[in-house]
Amino acid sequence: MTHSPSPLVIDGISKRYGDLTALDGMTFTVYPGEIYGFVGSNGAGKSTTMRIALGVISADSGEVRLGDQPLTESSRRRIGYMPEERGLYPKEKIGAQLTYLARLHGVDRSSAESRTTGLLKKLGLSDRVGDQLESLSLGNQQRVQLAAALVHDPDVLVLDEPFSGLDPVAVNVMSEILVERAEAGIPVLFSSHQLDLVQRLCHRVGIIAAGRMRAEGTVDELRDTGEDTYEVHVDAPGDWWRAVPGTTAVSGGDTVTLLTLTPGSPATDQDILRAAMAAGPVHHFTRRRPDLSDLFQEVVKP
């Protein structure tokens, strides 16, 4: 199959359950060759968005498209989906299940068997092809679930909490596969609570809360919106930093001080460094950029 270059477009999706607004105008795009991290607290609307994209539930308003074409039953078959609630058959053999699922997507038997063999080898499960799914550890069952999302060679990947419960080796294997698929030119959307992985893997990130997109951009763009902290080790007890306009001490001591600069302050890191050097010998000076976890806490707080 030739991979489509079409982006996955979530356009103004809203969904209500009685008085509860699950999604409120959710809008974002996942471009070909891009890994997009979709993050939010439990109940924020991540799984609802993905289920609407897959046609599992319907939206009250808005539209999901591949490129400029609304998704249909046929085009949804081009999506590889890994749900948060695993849905394979526990008593069926792994290899037979994956071949069967590929056949359901219209793959001929020979190709289905070949893809099953290749995926299980890549996922380190070649020796378990004839085993029942329930005989595997939960982490290995999750690897099989990923294989099920990939076995029909999809044009889009949508993965709901794919890293949950995985050991570090399995995390690396799954990460490599997602990167490989993105490099092949397909859009990859995944949700995760593991923000260190999101920060490491994703080209762009969307942070949602209460069914709305609250922040979106590349990891660097998002980190640049946060408040930098400066760590200064200087032999100068006291409030030497007050000489720099817009500076606030987060913590302080006889030799180590953590400072922030008020957004919009005319001062720079160099002004802080000069003030510290004027106060005494500077042994260490570091700018700490906020990581994605810090930004997430700031964005989603009430």
Protein backbone atom coordinates (compact mmCIF):
# COMPACT_ATOMS: atom_id res chain seq x y z
CA MET A 1 0.00 0.00 0.00
CA THR A 2 1.22 3.47 -0.82
CA HIS A 3 0.90 5.69 2.20
CA SER A 4 -1.34 8.69 1.74
CA PRO A 5 0.22 12.07 2.45
CA SER A 6 -3.12 13.32 3.83
CA PRO A 7 -3.16 14.90 7.31
CA LEU A 8 -5.61 13.81 9.97
CA VAL A 9 -7.82 16.84 10.68
CA ILE A 10 -9.93 17.18 13.83
CA ASP A 11 -12.14 20.18 13.08
CA GLY A 12 -14.38 21.71 15.74
CA ILE A 13 -15.50 18.46 17.37
CA SER A 14 -18.01 18.83 20.22
CA LYS A 15 -19.67 16.13 22.30
CA ARG A 16 -22.05 16.33 25.24
CA TYR A 17 -23.44 13.68 27.56
CA GLY A 18 -26.43 15.33 29.22
CA ASP A 19 -25.06 18.26 31.21
CA LEU A 20 -21.46 17.12 30.76
CA THR A 21 -19.45 18.69 27.95
CA ALA A 22 -16.87 16.08 26.97
CA LEU A 23 -15.49 18.03 24.00
CA ASP A 24 -15.92 21.69 23.18
CA GLY A 25 -14.76 22.66 19.69
CA MET A 26 -11.71 20.36 19.69
CA THR A 27 -9.52 21.28 16.75
CA PHE A 28 -6.03 20.18 15.68
CA THR A 29 -4.21 18.61 12.73
CA VAL A 30 -1.68 15.78 12.61
CA TYR A 31 0.48 16.14 9.50
CA PRO A 32 2.12 13.38 7.45
CA GLY A 33 5.45 12.34 8.96
CA GLU A 34 4.59 13.92 12.31
CA ILE A 35 4.28 12.39 15.77
CA TYR A 36 1.68 14.38 17.69
CA GLY A 37 1.41 14.00 21.46
CA PHE A 38 -2.09 14.40 22.87
CA VAL A 39 -1.94 15.01 26.62
CA GLY A 40 -4.40 15.84 29.35
CA SER A 41 -5.65 14.67 32.71
CA ASN A 42 -8.05 11.76 33.07
CA GLY A 43 -11.43 12.80 31.71
CA ALA A 44 -10.03 15.67 29.64
CA GLY A 45 -11.43 14.27 26.38
CA LYS A 46 -8.50 12.44 24.78
CA SER A 47 -10.17 9.03 24.37
CA THR A 48 -13.45 10.64 23.30
CA THR A 49 -11.64 12.51 20.53
CA MET A 50 -9.97 9.32 19.32
CA ARG A 51 -13.18 7.30 19.42
CA ILE A 52 -14.94 9.94 17.36
CA ALA A 53 -12.09 9.88 14.83
CA LEU A 54 -12.52 6.11 14.55
CA GLY A 55 -16.30 6.28 14.28
CA VAL A 56 -16.81 4.38 17.53
CA ILE A 57 -18.99 7.23 18.78
CA SER A 58 -20.48 10.17 16.90
CA ALA A 59 -19.83 13.86 17.44
CA ASP A 60 -22.62 16.34 18.11
CA SER A 61 -20.90 18.79 15.77
CA GLY A 62 -17.65 19.21 13.89
CA GLU A 63 -15.88 16.96 11.44
CA VAL A 64 -12.97 14.55 11.12
CA ARG A 65 -11.16 14.48 7.78
CA LEU A 66 -8.26 12.88 6.00
CA GLY A 67 -6.95 15.85 4.08
CA ASP A 68 -10.00 17.60 2.67
CA GLN A 69 -12.18 14.47 2.63
CA PRO A 70 -14.55 13.63 5.51
CA LEU A 71 -13.82 10.24 7.03
CA THR A 72 -16.08 7.46 5.84
CA GLU A 73 -16.43 3.81 6.82
CA SER A 74 -14.07 2.97 3.98
CA SER A 75 -11.41 5.57 4.77
CA ARG A 76 -11.45 4.69 8.48
CA ARG A 77 -10.08 1.30 7.46
CA ARG A 78 -6.88 3.17 6.58
CA ILE A 79 -6.37 4.04 10.26
CA GLY A 80 -4.43 1.83 12.65
CA TYR A 81 -6.05 2.15 16.08
CA MET A 82 -4.76 1.00 19.45
CA PRO A 83 -7.46 1.52 22.09
CA GLU A 84 -6.74 2.11 25.75
CA GLU A 85 -8.97 -0.86 26.58
CA ARG A 86 -7.30 -3.79 24.86
CA GLY A 87 -9.65 -5.69 22.55
CA LEU A 88 -7.97 -8.88 21.33
CA TYR A 89 -9.10 -12.45 21.97
CA PRO A 90 -7.38 -13.85 25.08
CA LYS A 91 -7.73 -17.53 24.18
CA GLU A 92 -6.79 -17.27 20.52
CA LYS A 93 -3.29 -17.79 19.15
CA ILE A 94 -1.37 -14.57 18.56
CA GLY A 95 -0.29 -15.23 14.99
CA ALA A 96 -3.72 -16.42 13.88
CA GLN A 97 -5.38 -13.32 15.38
CA LEU A 98 -3.09 -10.88 13.63
CA THR A 99 -3.46 -12.65 10.30
CA TYR A 100 -7.23 -12.64 10.71
CA LEU A 101 -7.30 -8.91 11.49
CA ALA A 102 -5.18 -8.13 8.43
CA ARG A 103 -7.55 -10.19 6.30
CA LEU A 104 -10.50 -8.20 7.65
CA HIS A 105 -8.80 -5.10 6.22
CA GLY A 106 -8.61 -6.70 2.79
CA VAL A 107 -5.02 -7.95 2.91
CA ASP A 108 -4.46 -11.20 1.01
CA ARG A 109 -3.52 -14.25 3.08
CA SER A 110 0.11 -14.44 1.99
CA SER A 111 0.76 -10.77 2.77
CA ALA A 112 -1.17 -11.02 6.04
CA GLU A 113 0.96 -13.93 7.22
CA SER A 114 4.16 -12.21 6.09
CA ARG A 115 3.28 -8.99 7.90
CA THR A 116 2.36 -10.90 11.05
CA THR A 117 5.70 -12.70 11.04
CA GLY A 118 7.64 -9.47 10.44
CA LEU A 119 5.85 -7.50 13.16
CA LEU A 120 6.21 -10.20 15.79
CA LYS A 121 9.91 -10.45 15.00
CA LYS A 122 10.34 -6.69 15.33
CA LEU A 123 8.44 -6.72 18.62
CA GLY A 124 10.52 -9.60 20.02
CA LEU A 125 7.64 -12.09 20.03
CA SER A 126 8.59 -14.48 17.23
CA ASP A 127 8.74 -17.41 19.62
CA ARG A 128 5.20 -16.74 20.90
CA VAL A 129 3.38 -16.80 17.56
CA GLY A 130 1.50 -20.00 18.43
CA ASP A 131 0.72 -19.03 22.04
CA GLN A 132 -2.61 -17.86 23.38
CA LEU A 133 -2.69 -14.13 24.11
CA GLU A 134 -3.63 -14.68 27.76
CA SER A 135 -0.39 -16.62 28.35
CA LEU A 136 1.66 -13.45 27.76
CA SER A 137 2.57 -10.79 30.30
CA LEU A 138 0.52 -7.60 30.17
CA GLY A 139 3.43 -5.76 28.57
CA ASN A 140 3.75 -8.37 25.83
CA GLN A 141 -0.01 -8.33 25.29
CA GLN A 142 0.38 -4.62 24.66
CA ARG A 143 3.04 -5.31 22.04
CA VAL A 144 0.59 -7.63 20.29
CA GLN A 145 -2.06 -4.89 20.43
CA LEU A 146 0.36 -2.56 18.65
CA ALA A 147 0.98 -5.25 16.03
CA ALA A 148 -2.79 -5.44 15.53
CA ALA A 149 -2.86 -1.70 14.80
CA LEU A 150 -0.04 -2.04 12.27
CA VAL A 151 -0.69 -5.34 10.53
CA HIS A 152 -2.79 -3.86 7.71
CA ASP A 153 -0.11 -1.22 6.96
CA PRO A 154 -2.29 1.79 7.85
CA ASP A 155 -2.01 5.32 6.47
CA VAL A 156 -2.65 6.90 9.90
CA LEU A 157 -1.85 5.71 13.43
CA VAL A 158 -4.05 6.61 16.42
CA LEU A 159 -2.81 5.17 19.72
CA ASP A 160 -4.51 5.67 23.08
CA GLU A 161 -2.01 5.32 25.97
CA PRO A 162 0.26 2.90 24.06
CA PHE A 163 3.08 3.06 26.65
CA SER A 164 0.97 2.33 29.73
CA GLY A 165 2.49 -0.43 31.84
CA LEU A 166 5.46 -1.11 29.57
CA ASP A 167 8.96 -1.82 30.86
CA PRO A 168 11.84 0.37 29.56
CA VAL A 169 12.86 -2.16 26.90
CA ALA A 170 9.31 -2.37 25.54
CA VAL A 171 9.03 1.43 25.63
CA ASN A 172 12.13 1.71 23.46
CA VAL A 173 10.82 -0.90 21.00
CA MET A 174 7.48 0.85 20.67
CA SER A 175 9.13 4.27 20.38
CA GLU A 176 11.32 3.05 17.53
CA ILE A 177 8.30 1.73 15.67
CA LEU A 178 6.40 5.02 16.01
CA VAL A 179 9.43 6.97 14.77
CA GLU A 180 9.84 4.53 11.88
CA ARG A 181 6.20 4.94 10.85
CA ALA A 182 6.42 8.72 11.00
CA GLU A 183 9.59 8.66 8.92
CA ALA A 184 7.66 6.61 6.36
CA GLY A 185 5.38 9.64 6.01
CA ILE A 186 2.26 8.79 7.98
CA PRO A 187 0.60 10.91 10.69
CA VAL A 188 1.00 9.42 14.18
CA LEU A 189 -1.27 10.56 17.03
CA PHE A 190 -0.84 9.16 20.52
CA SER A 191 -2.01 10.06 24.00
CA SER A 192 0.10 9.49 27.09
CA HIS A 193 0.49 10.51 30.71
CA GLN A 194 4.23 9.86 30.41
CA LEU A 195 5.25 13.41 29.57
CA ASP A 196 8.96 12.62 29.42
CA LEU A 197 8.23 10.31 26.48
CA VAL A 198 5.99 12.89 24.83
CA GLN A 199 8.73 15.50 25.18
CA ARG A 200 11.31 13.15 23.68
CA LEU A 201 9.30 11.69 20.80
CA CYS A 202 6.83 14.28 19.56
CA HIS A 203 7.20 16.90 16.88
CA ARG A 204 4.18 18.75 18.26
CA VAL A 205 2.05 18.50 21.39
CA GLY A 206 -1.53 19.44 22.23
CA ILE A 207 -2.47 19.92 25.88
CA ILE A 208 -6.19 19.65 26.60
CA ALA A 209 -8.33 20.26 29.67
CA ALA A 210 -12.11 20.00 30.11
CA GLY A 211 -12.60 19.12 26.45
CA ARG A 212 -10.73 22.13 25.06
CA MET A 213 -7.32 22.61 23.50
CA ARG A 214 -5.41 24.78 25.95
CA ALA A 215 -1.93 24.86 24.42
CA GLU A 216 -0.37 23.55 21.22
CA GLY A 217 3.00 23.72 19.51
CA THR A 218 6.37 22.09 19.24
CA VAL A 219 7.99 21.09 22.52
CA ASP A 220 10.44 23.99 22.18
CA GLU A 221 7.63 26.47 21.42
CA LEU A 222 5.70 25.33 24.48
CA ARG A 223 8.78 25.42 26.70
CA ASP A 224 9.50 28.96 25.52
CA THR A 225 6.10 30.08 26.84
CA GLY A 226 6.99 28.96 30.35
CA GLU A 227 8.89 30.85 33.00
CA ASP A 228 12.64 30.23 33.06
CA THR A 229 14.41 29.69 36.35
CA TYR A 230 18.02 30.74 36.94
CA GLU A 231 20.22 28.90 39.41
CA VAL A 232 23.09 31.01 40.72
CA HIS A 233 25.89 29.85 43.02
CA VAL A 234 27.55 33.00 44.33
CA ASP A 235 29.44 33.84 47.53
CA ALA A 236 27.09 36.70 48.37
CA PRO A 237 24.40 36.12 50.98
CA GLY A 238 21.53 38.57 50.93
CA ASP A 239 19.30 40.05 48.25
CA TRP A 240 21.89 41.04 45.63
CA TRP A 241 19.38 39.99 42.93
CA ARG A 242 17.08 42.92 43.76
CA ALA A 243 19.34 45.03 41.56
CA VAL A 244 17.81 43.32 38.52
CA PRO A 245 14.30 44.62 37.68
CA GLY A 246 11.57 42.00 37.45
CA THR A 247 13.51 39.36 39.36
CA THR A 248 11.86 37.14 41.96
CA ALA A 249 13.64 34.72 44.26
CA VAL A 250 12.06 31.26 44.28
CA SER A 251 14.44 30.15 47.01
CA GLY A 252 17.66 31.50 48.43
CA GLY A 253 20.55 30.71 50.72
CA ASP A 254 24.02 31.82 51.58
CA THR A 255 25.46 30.64 48.26
CA VAL A 256 22.66 29.19 46.06
CA THR A 257 19.72 31.23 44.76
CA LEU A 258 16.90 30.29 42.37
CA LEU A 259 15.44 33.24 40.47
CA THR A 260 12.70 33.91 37.94
CA LEU A 261 12.18 36.87 35.63
CA THR A 262 8.73 38.40 35.29
CA PRO A 263 7.44 38.02 31.68
CA GLY A 264 8.02 41.27 29.82
CA SER A 265 10.85 42.37 32.09
CA PRO A 266 13.55 44.33 30.24
CA ALA A 267 16.21 42.37 32.15
CA THR A 268 18.00 39.35 30.70
CA ASP A 269 20.01 36.43 32.00
CA GLN A 270 23.13 38.50 31.39
CA ASP A 271 21.83 41.19 33.75
CA ILE A 272 21.39 38.55 36.45
CA LEU A 273 24.89 37.24 35.85
CA ARG A 274 26.41 40.72 36.00
CA ALA A 275 24.59 41.47 39.27
CA ALA A 276 25.81 38.19 40.75
CA MET A 277 29.42 38.85 39.67
CA ALA A 278 29.23 42.32 41.19
CA ALA A 279 28.10 40.77 44.49
CA GLY A 280 30.78 38.09 44.75
CA PRO A 281 32.54 35.16 43.05
CA VAL A 282 30.13 33.18 40.82
CA HIS A 283 30.78 29.44 40.85
CA HIS A 284 27.80 28.26 38.82
CA PHE A 285 25.13 29.89 36.65
CA THR A 286 22.42 27.89 34.85
CA ARG A 287 19.24 28.68 32.99
CA ARG A 288 16.60 26.03 33.66
CA ARG A 289 13.97 25.84 30.95
CA PRO A 290 10.60 24.46 32.09
CA ASP A 291 9.98 20.91 30.93
CA LEU A 292 6.70 19.62 29.54
CA SER A 293 5.59 18.35 32.94
CA ASP A 294 5.93 21.84 34.44
CA LEU A 295 4.01 23.39 31.57
CA PHE A 296 1.29 20.76 31.77
CA GLN A 297 0.69 21.52 35.44
CA GLU A 298 0.50 25.24 34.66
CA VAL A 299 -1.87 24.85 31.69
CA VAL A 300 -4.39 22.47 33.24
CA LYS A 301 -4.66 23.99 36.71
CA PRO A 302 -8.14 25.46 37.41
